[in-house]
PDB file of all heavy atoms in Angstrom:
ATOM      1  N   THR A   1    -142.631  19.579  41.868  1.00  0.00           N
ATOM      2  CA  THR A   1    -141.723  18.435  41.925  1.00  0.00           C
ATOM      3  C   THR A   1    -141.238  18.283  43.347  1.00  0.00           C
ATOM      4  O   THR A   1    -140.735  19.238  43.955  1.00  0.00           O
ATOM      5  CB  THR A   1    -140.512  18.634  40.984  1.00  0.00           C
ATOM      6  OG1 THR A   1    -140.991  18.843  39.656  1.00  0.00           O
ATOM      7  CG2 THR A   1    -139.606  17.414  41.017  1.00  0.00           C
ATOM      8  N   ALA A   2    -141.402  17.089  43.896  1.00  0.00           N
ATOM      9  CA  ALA A   2    -140.860  16.768  45.218  1.00  0.00           C
ATOM     10  C   ALA A   2    -139.502  16.114  45.007  1.00  0.00           C
ATOM     11  O   ALA A   2    -139.355  15.255  44.136  1.00  0.00           O
ATOM     12  CB  ALA A   2    -141.783  15.822  45.973  1.00  0.00           C
ATOM     13  N   ARG A   3    -138.522  16.538  45.781  1.00  0.00           N
ATOM     14  CA  ARG A   3    -137.193  15.938  45.705  1.00  0.00           C
ATOM     15  C   ARG A   3    -136.917  15.201  47.018  1.00  0.00           C
ATOM     16  O   ARG A   3    -137.053  15.761  48.098  1.00  0.00           O
ATOM     17  CB  ARG A   3    -136.122  16.985  45.449  1.00  0.00           C
ATOM     18  CG  ARG A   3    -134.719  16.391  45.455  1.00  0.00           C
ATOM     19  CD  ARG A   3    -133.717  17.298  44.814  1.00  0.00           C
ATOM     20  NE  ARG A   3    -133.954  17.300  43.357  1.00  0.00           N
ATOM     21  CZ  ARG A   3    -133.249  18.033  42.508  1.00  0.00           C
ATOM     22  NH1 ARG A   3    -132.298  18.823  42.931  1.00  0.00           N
ATOM     23  NH2 ARG A   3    -133.521  17.979  41.211  1.00  0.00           N
ATOM     24  N   PHE A   4    -136.532  13.936  46.883  1.00  0.00           N
ATOM     25  CA  PHE A   4    -136.147  13.087  48.008  1.00  0.00           C
ATOM     26  C   PHE A   4    -134.639  12.892  47.904  1.00  0.00           C
ATOM     27  O   PHE A   4    -134.155  12.275  46.948  1.00  0.00           O
ATOM     28  CB  PHE A   4    -136.882  11.746  47.938  1.00  0.00           C
ATOM     29  CG  PHE A   4    -138.377  11.899  47.998  1.00  0.00           C
ATOM     30  CD1 PHE A   4    -139.116  12.156  46.854  1.00  0.00           C
ATOM     31  CD2 PHE A   4    -139.038  11.813  49.205  1.00  0.00           C
ATOM     32  CE1 PHE A   4    -140.484  12.318  46.903  1.00  0.00           C
ATOM     33  CE2 PHE A   4    -140.417  11.969  49.273  1.00  0.00           C
ATOM     34  CZ  PHE A   4    -141.143  12.228  48.122  1.00  0.00           C
ATOM     35  N   PHE A   5    -133.893  13.449  48.857  1.00  0.00           N
ATOM     36  CA  PHE A   5    -132.436  13.473  48.783  1.00  0.00           C
ATOM     37  C   PHE A   5    -131.841  12.684  49.944  1.00  0.00           C
ATOM     38  O   PHE A   5    -132.193  12.902  51.097  1.00  0.00           O
ATOM     39  CB  PHE A   5    -131.945  14.927  48.826  1.00  0.00           C
ATOM     40  CG  PHE A   5    -130.468  15.075  48.635  1.00  0.00           C
ATOM     41  CD1 PHE A   5    -129.920  15.086  47.366  1.00  0.00           C
ATOM     42  CD2 PHE A   5    -129.629  15.194  49.723  1.00  0.00           C
ATOM     43  CE1 PHE A   5    -128.549  15.226  47.187  1.00  0.00           C
ATOM     44  CE2 PHE A   5    -128.261  15.328  49.553  1.00  0.00           C
ATOM     45  CZ  PHE A   5    -127.717  15.344  48.280  1.00  0.00           C
ATOM     46  N   TYR A   6    -130.932  11.765  49.619  1.00  0.00           N
ATOM     47  CA  TYR A   6    -130.243  10.965  50.631  1.00  0.00           C
ATOM     48  C   TYR A   6    -128.964  10.395  50.041  1.00  0.00           C
ATOM     49  O   TYR A   6    -128.899  10.110  48.839  1.00  0.00           O
ATOM     50  CB  TYR A   6    -131.140   9.824  51.139  1.00  0.00           C
ATOM     51  CG  TYR A   6    -131.629   8.917  50.035  1.00  0.00           C
ATOM     52  CD1 TYR A   6    -130.944   7.755  49.701  1.00  0.00           C
ATOM     53  CD2 TYR A   6    -132.757   9.248  49.298  1.00  0.00           C
ATOM     54  CE1 TYR A   6    -131.386   6.937  48.672  1.00  0.00           C
ATOM     55  CE2 TYR A   6    -133.197   8.435  48.271  1.00  0.00           C
ATOM     56  CZ  TYR A   6    -132.506   7.288  47.962  1.00  0.00           C
ATOM     57  OH  TYR A   6    -132.928   6.488  46.937  1.00  0.00           O
ATOM     58  N   LYS A   7    -127.948  10.255  50.851  1.00  0.00           N
ATOM     59  CA  LYS A   7    -126.667   9.641  50.443  1.00  0.00           C
ATOM     60  C   LYS A   7    -126.168  10.161  49.097  1.00  0.00           C
ATOM     61  O   LYS A   7    -125.769   9.392  48.227  1.00  0.00           O
ATOM     62  CB  LYS A   7    -126.800   8.119  50.368  1.00  0.00           C
ATOM     63  CG  LYS A   7    -126.937   7.427  51.686  1.00  0.00           C
ATOM     64  CD  LYS A   7    -126.873   5.928  51.471  1.00  0.00           C
ATOM     65  CE  LYS A   7    -126.870   5.188  52.789  1.00  0.00           C
ATOM     66  NZ  LYS A   7    -126.770   3.739  52.590  1.00  0.00           N
ATOM     67  N   ASP A   8    -126.179  11.466  48.881  1.00  0.00           N
ATOM     68  CA  ASP A   8    -125.722  12.078  47.626  1.00  0.00           C
ATOM     69  C   ASP A   8    -126.501  11.612  46.398  1.00  0.00           C
ATOM     70  O   ASP A   8    -125.996  11.650  45.277  1.00  0.00           O
ATOM     71  CB  ASP A   8    -124.223  11.837  47.413  1.00  0.00           C
ATOM     72  CG  ASP A   8    -123.382  12.528  48.472  1.00  0.00           C
ATOM     73  OD1 ASP A   8    -123.806  13.600  48.939  1.00  0.00           O
ATOM     74  OD2 ASP A   8    -122.318  12.008  48.832  1.00  0.00           O
ATOM     75  N   VAL A   9    -127.711  11.147  46.601  1.00  0.00           N
ATOM     76  CA  VAL A   9    -128.594  10.703  45.522  1.00  0.00           C
ATOM     77  C   VAL A   9    -129.928  11.415  45.714  1.00  0.00           C
ATOM     78  O   VAL A   9    -130.333  11.686  46.841  1.00  0.00           O
ATOM     79  CB  VAL A   9    -128.822   9.169  45.601  1.00  0.00           C
ATOM     80  CG1 VAL A   9    -129.881   8.714  44.623  1.00  0.00           C
ATOM     81  CG2 VAL A   9    -127.527   8.422  45.402  1.00  0.00           C
ATOM     82  N   TYR A  10    -130.607  11.721  44.611  1.00  0.00           N
ATOM     83  CA  TYR A  10    -131.953  12.252  44.765  1.00  0.00           C
ATOM     84  C   TYR A  10    -132.894  11.609  43.757  1.00  0.00           C
ATOM     85  O   TYR A  10    -132.489  11.150  42.695  1.00  0.00           O
ATOM     86  CB  TYR A  10    -132.002  13.780  44.660  1.00  0.00           C
ATOM     87  CG  TYR A  10    -131.660  14.349  43.302  1.00  0.00           C
ATOM     88  CD1 TYR A  10    -132.628  14.456  42.312  1.00  0.00           C
ATOM     89  CD2 TYR A  10    -130.382  14.799  43.024  1.00  0.00           C
ATOM     90  CE1 TYR A  10    -132.325  14.991  41.072  1.00  0.00           C
ATOM     91  CE2 TYR A  10    -130.068  15.341  41.791  1.00  0.00           C
ATOM     92  CZ  TYR A  10    -131.040  15.435  40.821  1.00  0.00           C
ATOM     93  OH  TYR A  10    -130.743  15.964  39.596  1.00  0.00           O
ATOM     94  N   ILE A  11    -134.155  11.573  44.151  1.00  0.00           N
ATOM     95  CA  ILE A  11    -135.231  11.089  43.297  1.00  0.00           C
ATOM     96  C   ILE A  11    -136.268  12.196  43.237  1.00  0.00           C
ATOM     97  O   ILE A  11    -136.702  12.706  44.275  1.00  0.00           O
ATOM     98  CB  ILE A  11    -135.866   9.797  43.861  1.00  0.00           C
ATOM     99  CG1 ILE A  11    -134.836   8.679  43.920  1.00  0.00           C
ATOM    100  CG2 ILE A  11    -137.078   9.387  43.030  1.00  0.00           C
ATOM    101  CD1 ILE A  11    -135.307   7.440  44.647  1.00  0.00           C
ATOM    102  N   ASP A  12    -136.646  12.590  42.027  1.00  0.00           N
ATOM    103  CA  ASP A  12    -137.676  13.605  41.840  1.00  0.00           C
ATOM    104  C   ASP A  12    -138.988  12.941  41.469  1.00  0.00           C
ATOM    105  O   ASP A  12    -139.013  11.987  40.694  1.00  0.00           O
ATOM    106  CB  ASP A  12    -137.281  14.577  40.725  1.00  0.00           C
ATOM    107  CG  ASP A  12    -136.181  15.536  41.134  1.00  0.00           C
ATOM    108  OD1 ASP A  12    -135.912  15.664  42.344  1.00  0.00           O
ATOM    109  OD2 ASP A  12    -135.596  16.178  40.234  1.00  0.00           O
ATOM    110  N   ARG A  13    -140.072  13.453  42.060  1.00  0.00           N
ATOM    111  CA  ARG A  13    -141.418  12.979  41.744  1.00  0.00           C
ATOM    112  C   ARG A  13    -142.285  14.182  41.400  1.00  0.00           C
ATOM    113  O   ARG A  13    -142.477  15.074  42.231  1.00  0.00           O
ATOM    114  CB  ARG A  13    -142.043  12.251  42.951  1.00  0.00           C
ATOM    115  CG  ARG A  13    -141.383  10.934  43.309  1.00  0.00           C
ATOM    116  CD  ARG A  13    -141.977   9.839  42.445  1.00  0.00           C
ATOM    117  NE  ARG A  13    -141.268   8.591  42.516  1.00  0.00           N
ATOM    118  CZ  ARG A  13    -141.609   7.555  43.271  1.00  0.00           C
ATOM    119  NH1 ARG A  13    -142.646   7.637  44.066  1.00  0.00           N
ATOM    120  NH2 ARG A  13    -140.899   6.443  43.219  1.00  0.00           N
ATOM    121  N   VAL A  14    -142.795  14.226  40.176  1.00  0.00           N
ATOM    122  CA  VAL A  14    -143.682  15.300  39.744  1.00  0.00           C
ATOM    123  C   VAL A  14    -145.087  14.974  40.239  1.00  0.00           C
ATOM    124  O   VAL A  14    -145.526  13.820  40.176  1.00  0.00           O
ATOM    125  CB  VAL A  14    -143.648  15.439  38.205  1.00  0.00           C
ATOM    126  CG1 VAL A  14    -144.633  16.496  37.729  1.00  0.00           C
ATOM    127  CG2 VAL A  14    -142.228  15.757  37.734  1.00  0.00           C
ATOM    128  N   PHE A  15    -145.783  16.017  40.726  1.00  0.00           N
ATOM    129  CA  PHE A  15    -147.133  15.793  41.248  1.00  0.00           C
ATOM    130  C   PHE A  15    -147.975  17.051  41.109  1.00  0.00           C
ATOM    131  O   PHE A  15    -147.459  18.140  40.888  1.00  0.00           O
ATOM    132  CB  PHE A  15    -147.086  15.315  42.711  1.00  0.00           C
ATOM    133  CG  PHE A  15    -146.614  16.352  43.701  1.00  0.00           C
ATOM    134  CD1 PHE A  15    -147.507  17.012  44.526  1.00  0.00           C
ATOM    135  CD2 PHE A  15    -145.258  16.654  43.829  1.00  0.00           C
ATOM    136  CE1 PHE A  15    -147.075  17.959  45.445  1.00  0.00           C
ATOM    137  CE2 PHE A  15    -144.810  17.582  44.748  1.00  0.00           C
ATOM    138  CZ  PHE A  15    -145.726  18.244  45.556  1.00  0.00           C
ATOM    139  N   THR A  16    -149.275  16.870  41.210  1.00  0.00           N
ATOM    140  CA  THR A  16    -150.219  17.980  41.294  1.00  0.00           C
ATOM    141  C   THR A  16    -150.931  17.848  42.626  1.00  0.00           C
ATOM    142  O   THR A  16    -150.917  16.788  43.245  1.00  0.00           O
ATOM    143  CB  THR A  16    -151.231  17.946  40.136  1.00  0.00           C
ATOM    144  OG1 THR A  16    -151.939  16.708  40.182  1.00  0.00           O
ATOM    145  CG2 THR A  16    -150.546  18.099  38.784  1.00  0.00           C
ATOM    146  N   GLY A  17    -151.527  18.905  43.082  1.00  0.00           N
ATOM    147  CA  GLY A  17    -152.216  18.850  44.364  1.00  0.00           C
ATOM    148  C   GLY A  17    -151.238  18.991  45.512  1.00  0.00           C
ATOM    149  O   GLY A  17    -150.233  19.698  45.415  1.00  0.00           O
ATOM    150  N   ASN A  18    -151.518  18.273  46.599  1.00  0.00           N
ATOM    151  CA  ASN A  18    -150.712  18.418  47.813  1.00  0.00           C
ATOM    152  C   ASN A  18    -150.073  17.119  48.289  1.00  0.00           C
ATOM    153  O   ASN A  18    -149.462  17.102  49.361  1.00  0.00           O
ATOM    154  CB  ASN A  18    -151.581  18.983  48.947  1.00  0.00           C
ATOM    155  CG  ASN A  18    -152.039  20.394  48.647  1.00  0.00           C
ATOM    156  OD1 ASN A  18    -151.405  21.120  47.891  1.00  0.00           O
ATOM    157  ND2 ASN A  18    -153.156  20.780  49.225  1.00  0.00           N
ATOM    158  N   THR A  19    -150.242  16.032  47.552  1.00  0.00           N
ATOM    159  CA  THR A  19    -149.675  14.759  48.003  1.00  0.00           C
ATOM    160  C   THR A  19    -148.808  14.131  46.917  1.00  0.00           C
ATOM    161  O   THR A  19    -149.051  14.310  45.726  1.00  0.00           O
ATOM    162  CB  THR A  19    -150.771  13.755  48.415  1.00  0.00           C
ATOM    163  OG1 THR A  19    -151.583  13.463  47.279  1.00  0.00           O
ATOM    164  CG2 THR A  19    -151.614  14.277  49.563  1.00  0.00           C
ATOM    165  N   VAL A  20    -147.803  13.380  47.382  1.00  0.00           N
ATOM    166  CA  VAL A  20    -146.908  12.674  46.478  1.00  0.00           C
ATOM    167  C   VAL A  20    -146.448  11.393  47.162  1.00  0.00           C
ATOM    168  O   VAL A  20    -146.238  11.367  48.380  1.00  0.00           O
ATOM    169  CB  VAL A  20    -145.702  13.561  46.068  1.00  0.00           C
ATOM    170  CG1 VAL A  20    -144.842  13.932  47.253  1.00  0.00           C
ATOM    171  CG2 VAL A  20    -144.875  12.904  44.978  1.00  0.00           C
ATOM    172  N   ASP A  21    -146.315  10.329  46.382  1.00  0.00           N
ATOM    173  CA  ASP A  21    -145.832   9.059  46.929  1.00  0.00           C
ATOM    174  C   ASP A  21    -144.337   9.127  47.203  1.00  0.00           C
ATOM    175  O   ASP A  21    -143.572   9.671  46.396  1.00  0.00           O
ATOM    176  CB  ASP A  21    -146.113   7.909  45.960  1.00  0.00           C
ATOM    177  CG  ASP A  21    -147.593   7.610  45.816  1.00  0.00           C
ATOM    178  OD1 ASP A  21    -148.364   7.950  46.740  1.00  0.00           O
ATOM    179  OD2 ASP A  21    -147.984   7.044  44.782  1.00  0.00           O
ATOM    180  N   VAL A  22    -143.928   8.545  48.306  1.00  0.00           N
ATOM    181  CA  VAL A  22    -142.514   8.472  48.665  1.00  0.00           C
ATOM    182  C   VAL A  22    -141.901   7.274  47.940  1.00  0.00           C
ATOM    183  O   VAL A  22    -142.479   6.181  47.955  1.00  0.00           O
ATOM    184  CB  VAL A  22    -142.348   8.293  50.196  1.00  0.00           C
ATOM    185  CG1 VAL A  22    -140.881   8.117  50.579  1.00  0.00           C
ATOM    186  CG2 VAL A  22    -142.963   9.474  50.939  1.00  0.00           C
ATOM    187  N   PRO A  23    -140.745   7.454  47.305  1.00  0.00           N
ATOM    188  CA  PRO A  23    -140.102   6.287  46.668  1.00  0.00           C
ATOM    189  C   PRO A  23    -139.650   5.302  47.744  1.00  0.00           C
ATOM    190  O   PRO A  23    -139.448   5.680  48.901  1.00  0.00           O
ATOM    191  CB  PRO A  23    -138.907   6.890  45.937  1.00  0.00           C
ATOM    192  CG  PRO A  23    -138.639   8.185  46.622  1.00  0.00           C
ATOM    193  CD  PRO A  23    -139.955   8.664  47.154  1.00  0.00           C
ATOM    194  N   GLU A  24    -139.507   4.046  47.360  1.00  0.00           N
ATOM    195  CA  GLU A  24    -139.026   3.049  48.317  1.00  0.00           C
ATOM    196  C   GLU A  24    -137.581   3.391  48.688  1.00  0.00           C
ATOM    197  O   GLU A  24    -136.735   3.600  47.816  1.00  0.00           O
ATOM    198  CB  GLU A  24    -139.095   1.656  47.715  1.00  0.00           C
ATOM    199  CG  GLU A  24    -138.704   0.575  48.690  1.00  0.00           C
ATOM    200  CD  GLU A  24    -138.840  -0.813  48.112  1.00  0.00           C
ATOM    201  OE1 GLU A  24    -139.334  -0.956  46.972  1.00  0.00           O
ATOM    202  OE2 GLU A  24    -138.452  -1.764  48.795  1.00  0.00           O
ATOM    203  N   LEU A  25    -137.316   3.459  49.978  1.00  0.00           N
ATOM    204  CA  LEU A  25    -135.995   3.829  50.490  1.00  0.00           C
ATOM    205  C   LEU A  25    -135.354   2.631  51.170  1.00  0.00           C
ATOM    206  O   LEU A  25    -136.050   1.769  51.708  1.00  0.00           O
ATOM    207  CB  LEU A  25    -136.133   4.990  51.485  1.00  0.00           C
ATOM    208  CG  LEU A  25    -136.855   6.232  50.946  1.00  0.00           C
ATOM    209  CD1 LEU A  25    -137.118   7.224  52.062  1.00  0.00           C
ATOM    210  CD2 LEU A  25    -136.042   6.872  49.836  1.00  0.00           C
ATOM    211  N   ALA A  26    -134.017   2.584  51.150  1.00  0.00           N
ATOM    212  CA  ALA A  26    -133.317   1.456  51.770  1.00  0.00           C
ATOM    213  C   ALA A  26    -132.010   1.919  52.400  1.00  0.00           C
ATOM    214  O   ALA A  26    -131.308   2.771  51.847  1.00  0.00           O
ATOM    215  CB  ALA A  26    -133.036   0.368  50.735  1.00  0.00           C
ATOM    216  N   ASN A  27    -131.711   1.364  53.562  1.00  0.00           N
ATOM    217  CA  ASN A  27    -130.417   1.553  54.235  1.00  0.00           C
ATOM    218  C   ASN A  27    -130.060   3.009  54.507  1.00  0.00           C
ATOM    219  O   ASN A  27    -128.922   3.415  54.326  1.00  0.00           O
ATOM    220  CB  ASN A  27    -129.291   0.890  53.433  1.00  0.00           C
ATOM    221  CG  ASN A  27    -129.413  -0.608  53.440  1.00  0.00           C
ATOM    222  OD1 ASN A  27    -129.779  -1.210  54.442  1.00  0.00           O
ATOM    223  ND2 ASN A  27    -129.108  -1.227  52.319  1.00  0.00           N
ATOM    224  N   ILE A  28    -131.027   3.798  54.911  1.00  0.00           N
ATOM    225  CA  ILE A  28    -130.737   5.197  55.253  1.00  0.00           C
ATOM    226  C   ILE A  28    -131.343   5.531  56.604  1.00  0.00           C
ATOM    227  O   ILE A  28    -132.264   4.848  57.079  1.00  0.00           O
ATOM    228  CB  ILE A  28    -131.240   6.175  54.180  1.00  0.00           C
ATOM    229  CG1 ILE A  28    -132.762   6.127  54.026  1.00  0.00           C
ATOM    230  CG2 ILE A  28    -130.556   5.923  52.852  1.00  0.00           C
ATOM    231  CD1 ILE A  28    -133.323   7.229  53.131  1.00  0.00           C
ATOM    232  N   SER A  29    -130.829   6.581  57.223  1.00  0.00           N
ATOM    233  CA  SER A  29    -131.379   7.014  58.501  1.00  0.00           C
ATOM    234  C   SER A  29    -132.046   8.379  58.407  1.00  0.00           C
ATOM    235  O   SER A  29    -132.683   8.819  59.356  1.00  0.00           O
ATOM    236  CB  SER A  29    -130.281   7.041  59.566  1.00  0.00           C
ATOM    237  OG  SER A  29    -129.241   7.910  59.157  1.00  0.00           O
ATOM    238  N   LEU A  30    -131.892   9.055  57.260  1.00  0.00           N
ATOM    239  CA  LEU A  30    -132.478  10.380  57.093  1.00  0.00           C
ATOM    240  C   LEU A  30    -132.730  10.640  55.608  1.00  0.00           C
ATOM    241  O   LEU A  30    -131.882  10.326  54.768  1.00  0.00           O
ATOM    242  CB  LEU A  30    -131.519  11.451  57.635  1.00  0.00           C
ATOM    243  CG  LEU A  30    -132.009  12.885  57.597  1.00  0.00           C
ATOM    244  CD1 LEU A  30    -133.082  13.109  58.663  1.00  0.00           C
ATOM    245  CD2 LEU A  30    -130.833  13.833  57.823  1.00  0.00           C
ATOM    246  N   VAL A  31    -133.875  11.219  55.314  1.00  0.00           N
ATOM    247  CA  VAL A  31    -134.165  11.669  53.955  1.00  0.00           C
ATOM    248  C   VAL A  31    -134.572  13.140  54.044  1.00  0.00           C
ATOM    249  O   VAL A  31    -135.275  13.543  54.976  1.00  0.00           O
ATOM    250  CB  VAL A  31    -135.263  10.819  53.259  1.00  0.00           C
ATOM    251  CG1 VAL A  31    -136.592  10.909  53.986  1.00  0.00           C
ATOM    252  CG2 VAL A  31    -135.416  11.202  51.798  1.00  0.00           C
ATOM    253  N   LYS A  32    -134.071  13.927  53.105  1.00  0.00           N
ATOM    254  CA  LYS A  32    -134.438  15.339  53.006  1.00  0.00           C
ATOM    255  C   LYS A  32    -135.484  15.443  51.904  1.00  0.00           C
ATOM    256  O   LYS A  32    -135.285  14.938  50.797  1.00  0.00           O
ATOM    257  CB  LYS A  32    -133.220  16.182  52.645  1.00  0.00           C
ATOM    258  CG  LYS A  32    -132.126  16.122  53.679  1.00  0.00           C
ATOM    259  CD  LYS A  32    -130.894  16.868  53.185  1.00  0.00           C
ATOM    260  CE  LYS A  32    -129.754  16.706  54.167  1.00  0.00           C
ATOM    261  NZ  LYS A  32    -128.523  17.372  53.654  1.00  0.00           N
ATOM    262  N   ILE A  33    -136.598  16.118  52.226  1.00  0.00           N
ATOM    263  CA  ILE A  33    -137.700  16.236  51.273  1.00  0.00           C
ATOM    264  C   ILE A  33    -138.021  17.710  51.070  1.00  0.00           C
ATOM    265  O   ILE A  33    -138.282  18.432  52.030  1.00  0.00           O
ATOM    266  CB  ILE A  33    -138.955  15.491  51.776  1.00  0.00           C
ATOM    267  CG1 ILE A  33    -138.625  14.025  52.069  1.00  0.00           C
ATOM    268  CG2 ILE A  33    -140.086  15.612  50.760  1.00  0.00           C
ATOM    269  CD1 ILE A  33    -139.740  13.276  52.780  1.00  0.00           C
ATOM    270  N   GLY A  34    -137.983  18.133  49.810  1.00  0.00           N
ATOM    271  CA  GLY A  34    -138.318  19.504  49.470  1.00  0.00           C
ATOM    272  C   GLY A  34    -139.167  19.536  48.222  1.00  0.00           C
ATOM    273  O   GLY A  34    -139.397  18.509  47.579  1.00  0.00           O
ATOM    274  N   VAL A  35    -139.629  20.731  47.863  1.00  0.00           N
ATOM    275  CA  VAL A  35    -140.498  20.904  46.695  1.00  0.00           C
ATOM    276  C   VAL A  35    -139.988  22.091  45.889  1.00  0.00           C
ATOM    277  O   VAL A  35    -139.486  23.064  46.450  1.00  0.00           O
ATOM    278  CB  VAL A  35    -141.960  21.179  47.128  1.00  0.00           C
ATOM    279  CG1 VAL A  35    -142.867  21.344  45.923  1.00  0.00           C
ATOM    280  CG2 VAL A  35    -142.474  20.095  48.024  1.00  0.00           C
ATOM    281  N   PHE A  36    -140.142  21.980  44.570  1.00  0.00           N
ATOM    282  CA  PHE A  36    -139.807  23.125  43.743  1.00  0.00           C
ATOM    283  C   PHE A  36    -140.709  23.166  42.510  1.00  0.00           C
ATOM    284  O   PHE A  36    -141.316  22.167  42.122  1.00  0.00           O
ATOM    285  CB  PHE A  36    -138.325  23.115  43.338  1.00  0.00           C
ATOM    286  CG  PHE A  36    -137.894  21.936  42.511  1.00  0.00           C
ATOM    287  CD1 PHE A  36    -137.892  21.998  41.124  1.00  0.00           C
ATOM    288  CD2 PHE A  36    -137.471  20.754  43.114  1.00  0.00           C
ATOM    289  CE1 PHE A  36    -137.473  20.923  40.356  1.00  0.00           C
ATOM    290  CE2 PHE A  36    -137.039  19.678  42.362  1.00  0.00           C
ATOM    291  CZ  PHE A  36    -137.049  19.752  40.975  1.00  0.00           C
ATOM    292  N   THR A  37    -140.790  24.364  41.956  1.00  0.00           N
ATOM    293  CA  THR A  37    -141.443  24.590  40.666  1.00  0.00           C
ATOM    294  C   THR A  37    -140.441  25.359  39.819  1.00  0.00           C
ATOM    295  O   THR A  37    -139.295  25.550  40.214  1.00  0.00           O
ATOM    296  CB  THR A  37    -142.737  25.425  40.805  1.00  0.00           C
ATOM    297  OG1 THR A  37    -142.382  26.761  41.178  1.00  0.00           O
ATOM    298  CG2 THR A  37    -143.691  24.834  41.813  1.00  0.00           C
ATOM    299  N   GLU A  38    -140.907  25.844  38.708  1.00  0.00           N
ATOM    300  CA  GLU A  38    -140.044  26.656  37.864  1.00  0.00           C
ATOM    301  C   GLU A  38    -139.652  27.958  38.563  1.00  0.00           C
ATOM    302  O   GLU A  38    -138.581  28.506  38.318  1.00  0.00           O
ATOM    303  CB  GLU A  38    -140.793  26.953  36.563  1.00  0.00           C
ATOM    304  CG  GLU A  38    -139.962  27.608  35.496  1.00  0.00           C
ATOM    305  CD  GLU A  38    -140.744  27.753  34.208  1.00  0.00           C
ATOM    306  OE1 GLU A  38    -141.144  26.728  33.637  1.00  0.00           O
ATOM    307  OE2 GLU A  38    -140.944  28.914  33.791  1.00  0.00           O
ATOM    308  N   ASP A  39    -140.508  28.440  39.485  1.00  0.00           N
ATOM    309  CA  ASP A  39    -140.301  29.748  40.105  1.00  0.00           C
ATOM    310  C   ASP A  39    -140.006  29.732  41.604  1.00  0.00           C
ATOM    311  O   ASP A  39    -139.506  30.720  42.134  1.00  0.00           O
ATOM    312  CB  ASP A  39    -141.554  30.615  39.893  1.00  0.00           C
ATOM    313  CG  ASP A  39    -141.871  30.797  38.418  1.00  0.00           C
ATOM    314  OD1 ASP A  39    -140.924  30.990  37.629  1.00  0.00           O
ATOM    315  OD2 ASP A  39    -143.056  30.729  38.056  1.00  0.00           O
ATOM    316  N   ILE A  40    -140.371  28.668  42.302  1.00  0.00           N
ATOM    317  CA  ILE A  40    -140.267  28.646  43.763  1.00  0.00           C
ATOM    318  C   ILE A  40    -139.586  27.362  44.209  1.00  0.00           C
ATOM    319  O   ILE A  40    -139.747  26.313  43.579  1.00  0.00           O
ATOM    320  CB  ILE A  40    -141.663  28.670  44.433  1.00  0.00           C
ATOM    321  CG1 ILE A  40    -142.626  29.635  43.754  1.00  0.00           C
ATOM    322  CG2 ILE A  40    -141.560  28.995  45.911  1.00  0.00           C
ATOM    323  CD1 ILE A  40    -144.063  29.456  44.206  1.00  0.00           C
ATOM    324  N   THR A  41    -138.888  27.429  45.331  1.00  0.00           N
ATOM    325  CA  THR A  41    -138.315  26.223  45.926  1.00  0.00           C
ATOM    326  C   THR A  41    -138.371  26.328  47.449  1.00  0.00           C
ATOM    327  O   THR A  41    -138.510  27.416  47.991  1.00  0.00           O
ATOM    328  CB  THR A  41    -136.867  25.980  45.442  1.00  0.00           C
ATOM    329  OG1 THR A  41    -136.417  24.712  45.903  1.00  0.00           O
ATOM    330  CG2 THR A  41    -135.928  27.068  45.926  1.00  0.00           C
ATOM    331  N   THR A  42    -138.278  25.182  48.107  1.00  0.00           N
ATOM    332  CA  THR A  42    -138.309  25.159  49.572  1.00  0.00           C
ATOM    333  C   THR A  42    -136.968  24.691  50.122  1.00  0.00           C
ATOM    334  O   THR A  42    -136.125  24.173  49.397  1.00  0.00           O
ATOM    335  CB  THR A  42    -139.376  24.185  50.109  1.00  0.00           C
ATOM    336  OG1 THR A  42    -138.960  22.834  49.849  1.00  0.00           O
ATOM    337  CG2 THR A  42    -140.739  24.442  49.516  1.00  0.00           C
ATOM    338  N   THR A  43    -136.843  24.839  51.410  1.00  0.00           N
ATOM    339  CA  THR A  43    -135.746  24.186  52.112  1.00  0.00           C
ATOM    340  C   THR A  43    -136.095  22.703  52.213  1.00  0.00           C
ATOM    341  O   THR A  43    -137.257  22.324  51.997  1.00  0.00           O
ATOM    342  CB  THR A  43    -135.585  24.743  53.535  1.00  0.00           C
ATOM    343  OG1 THR A  43    -136.794  24.459  54.265  1.00  0.00           O
ATOM    344  CG2 THR A  43    -135.313  26.233  53.532  1.00  0.00           C
TER     345      THR A  43
END
């Protein structure tokens, strides 16, 4: 699961493989993107 976090809001996108589509973003200057599974997570 990729998490797109901005302005105290997040959107999760489940994916397989190594690529995931970015949700449409608006009125922001920074997005934090991380990945997690049931067992592992990233910064």
